[in-house]
Amino acid sequence: MYCPKCGWHNVDDAARCANCSQQLQAPQAGTPQQPQQVPGQSDPQQGYQQYGDAPAYDVPNYLAWSISVTVLSFICCVTILGLPFGIVAIVKSISANNKKLANDYYGAVADASAAKTWALVSTVLVIIGGAFGIIALVGVILSGSSNGFQ
C-alpha cells in the first residue's frame, strides 16, 4: 500500500505510513491501488523503502565481539576502562539484530555500525589497559629482584 501523502510503500495492513505517519485507508476490494505522484519524485518506488527493496545483504551485529571484549575487560581488572563501552556495544548489537528481524534494514545497518565502533573503542582500551598492566607487572618484578627479597 502506498502512502497518499509521501508515496512510501507500506505493508498492506498498515494503519499509518512508516515514513510520515499519515493515516492510511485500506484499498477497496477489487480495485488495484496505484501509487500517487509525489512532488519532487518521479516515481514513488525510487525512494527508500523498508527491507523488501533494500539490498539483500546480511547485517553483521558484532554481538560475539562485543560480549568477548566486555567479558575480557571485566575479568582483567586492569582493563576495566573498556567495560562501559563494551556494554554499549552489546546494546547496539542487540538493537541491530532486533531491527533486522523487524525488516528495518537501514536502521539495522546504522546500529551495527555503532556497535562496531563501540566494540573497537572497548578493544583499544582493553589493549592499552593490558599493556599498562604488563608494564607495571614487569616493573614490580624488576624492582623486587634488585632488592633481593629478604
Protein backbone atom coordinates (compact mmCIF):
# COMPACT_ATOMS: atom_id res chain seq x y z
CA MET A 1 0.00 0.00 0.00
CA TYR A 2 1.37 3.40 -0.99
CA CYS A 3 1.01 6.47 1.20
CA PRO A 4 -1.13 9.15 -0.47
CA LYS A 5 0.93 11.88 1.17
CA CYS A 6 4.57 10.86 0.58
CA GLY A 7 4.39 7.83 -1.74
CA TRP A 8 6.12 5.46 0.69
CA HIS A 9 5.44 1.78 0.08
CA ASN A 10 3.99 0.37 3.31
CA VAL A 11 2.88 -3.13 4.18
CA ASP A 12 -0.66 -3.87 3.04
CA ASP A 13 -2.24 -3.94 6.50
CA ALA A 14 -0.53 -0.79 7.86
CA ALA A 15 -2.76 1.71 9.64
CA ARG A 16 -0.21 4.55 9.37
CA CYS A 17 2.60 5.35 6.97
CA ALA A 18 6.02 4.25 8.26
CA ASN A 19 7.62 7.34 6.72
CA CYS A 20 5.30 10.26 7.53
CA SER A 21 2.68 8.77 9.94
CA GLN A 22 -0.19 9.64 7.60
CA GLN A 23 -3.40 7.71 8.31
CA LEU A 24 -3.80 5.04 5.63
CA GLN A 25 -7.04 3.65 4.32
CA ALA A 26 -7.33 0.08 3.19
CA PRO A 27 -7.88 -0.27 -0.57
CA GLN A 28 -11.34 -1.36 -1.57
CA ALA A 29 -11.70 -4.93 -2.72
CA GLY A 30 -11.30 -5.43 -6.45
CA THR A 31 -9.62 -2.08 -7.18
CA PRO A 32 -5.88 -2.16 -7.70
CA GLN A 33 -4.06 0.61 -5.88
CA GLN A 34 -1.90 2.89 -7.97
CA PRO A 35 0.96 4.81 -6.40
CA GLN A 36 0.47 8.56 -6.40
CA GLN A 37 2.95 11.03 -7.78
CA VAL A 38 4.95 12.72 -5.01
CA PRO A 39 6.19 16.28 -5.58
CA GLY A 40 9.91 16.23 -6.35
CA GLN A 41 9.95 12.50 -7.00
CA SER A 42 9.36 10.98 -10.41
CA ASP A 43 8.44 7.52 -9.18
CA PRO A 44 7.42 6.62 -5.62
CA GLN A 45 9.28 3.32 -5.86
CA GLN A 46 12.58 5.16 -6.30
CA GLY A 47 12.54 6.35 -2.66
CA TYR A 48 13.91 4.31 0.19
CA GLN A 49 11.53 1.65 1.32
CA GLN A 50 11.59 -0.92 4.01
CA TYR A 51 13.55 -4.17 3.89
CA GLY A 52 11.76 -5.51 0.82
CA ASP A 53 13.62 -3.20 -1.58
CA ALA A 54 16.81 -2.93 0.49
CA PRO A 55 19.92 -4.74 -0.66
CA ALA A 56 19.76 -8.39 0.36
CA TYR A 57 22.91 -8.35 2.47
CA ASP A 58 23.33 -9.95 5.83
CA VAL A 59 23.77 -7.30 8.51
CA PRO A 60 26.54 -8.22 10.95
CA ASN A 61 25.62 -7.39 14.53
CA TYR A 62 29.07 -7.79 16.18
CA LEU A 63 27.45 -9.37 19.26
CA ALA A 64 30.14 -12.02 19.79
CA TRP A 65 32.92 -9.43 19.59
CA SER A 66 31.06 -7.09 21.96
CA ILE A 67 30.46 -9.80 24.54
CA SER A 68 34.04 -11.10 24.29
CA VAL A 69 35.67 -7.72 24.82
CA THR A 70 33.27 -6.89 27.68
CA VAL A 71 33.94 -10.16 29.48
CA LEU A 72 37.69 -9.76 28.94
CA SER A 73 37.50 -6.24 30.31
CA PHE A 74 35.59 -7.47 33.36
CA ILE A 75 37.92 -10.42 34.06
CA CYS A 76 41.10 -8.35 33.76
CA CYS A 77 40.53 -5.68 36.39
CA VAL A 78 43.39 -3.60 34.96
CA THR A 79 41.42 -3.12 31.73
CA ILE A 80 38.13 -2.14 33.37
CA LEU A 81 38.12 1.04 31.23
CA GLY A 82 36.68 -0.91 28.30
CA LEU A 83 33.71 -2.27 30.27
CA PRO A 84 31.18 0.58 29.78
CA PHE A 85 31.98 0.83 26.07
CA GLY A 86 31.60 -2.93 25.71
CA ILE A 87 28.16 -2.76 27.33
CA VAL A 88 27.10 -0.04 24.87
CA ALA A 89 28.39 -2.24 22.03
CA ILE A 90 26.29 -5.16 23.31
CA VAL A 91 23.17 -2.97 23.46
CA LYS A 92 23.75 -1.66 19.93
CA SER A 93 24.41 -5.20 18.65
CA ILE A 94 21.14 -6.45 20.09
CA SER A 95 19.35 -3.42 18.66
CA ALA A 96 20.82 -4.14 15.20
CA ASN A 97 19.62 -7.72 15.44
CA ASN A 98 16.12 -6.64 16.51
CA LYS A 99 15.87 -4.09 13.68
CA LYS A 100 16.99 -6.72 11.19
CA LEU A 101 14.25 -9.03 12.44
CA ALA A 102 11.74 -6.17 12.14
CA ASN A 103 12.76 -5.67 8.47
CA ASP A 104 14.34 -2.27 9.18
CA TYR A 105 17.45 -2.79 7.08
CA TYR A 106 18.81 0.75 7.24
CA GLY A 107 18.25 1.01 11.00
CA ALA A 108 19.99 -2.34 11.44
CA VAL A 109 22.98 -1.15 9.41
CA ALA A 110 23.21 2.06 11.47
CA ASP A 111 23.10 0.18 14.78
CA ALA A 112 25.58 -2.43 13.54
CA SER A 113 27.96 0.35 12.58
CA ALA A 114 27.59 1.91 16.03
CA ALA A 115 28.14 -1.50 17.67
CA LYS A 116 31.31 -1.97 15.64
CA THR A 117 32.59 1.46 16.68
CA TRP A 118 31.90 0.89 20.39
CA ALA A 119 33.40 -2.60 20.29
CA LEU A 120 36.51 -1.18 18.63
CA VAL A 121 36.81 1.56 21.28
CA SER A 122 36.43 -1.04 24.01
CA THR A 123 39.02 -3.31 22.37
CA VAL A 124 41.55 -0.49 22.10
CA LEU A 125 41.03 0.43 25.76
CA VAL A 126 41.42 -3.22 26.81
CA ILE A 127 44.68 -3.47 24.85
CA ILE A 128 46.00 -0.20 26.30
CA GLY A 129 44.99 -1.22 29.83
CA GLY A 130 46.56 -4.65 29.35
CA ALA A 131 49.80 -3.08 28.11
CA PHE A 132 49.95 -0.81 31.17
CA GLY A 133 49.25 -3.82 33.39
CA ILE A 134 52.09 -5.80 31.83
CA ILE A 135 54.47 -2.83 32.14
CA ALA A 136 53.51 -2.43 35.81
CA LEU A 137 53.98 -6.16 36.45
CA VAL A 138 57.41 -6.16 34.79
CA GLY A 139 58.35 -3.08 36.82
CA VAL A 140 57.34 -4.75 40.08
CA ILE A 141 59.26 -7.91 39.19
CA LEU A 142 62.38 -5.99 38.22
CA SER A 143 62.30 -3.76 41.28
CA GLY A 144 61.75 -6.78 43.55
CA SER A 145 64.65 -8.75 42.05
CA SER A 146 67.11 -5.89 42.60
CA ASN A 147 66.23 -5.68 46.32
CA GLY A 148 66.95 -9.37 46.86
CA PHE A 149 63.60 -10.28 48.56
CA GLN A 150 64.92 -10.54 52.11
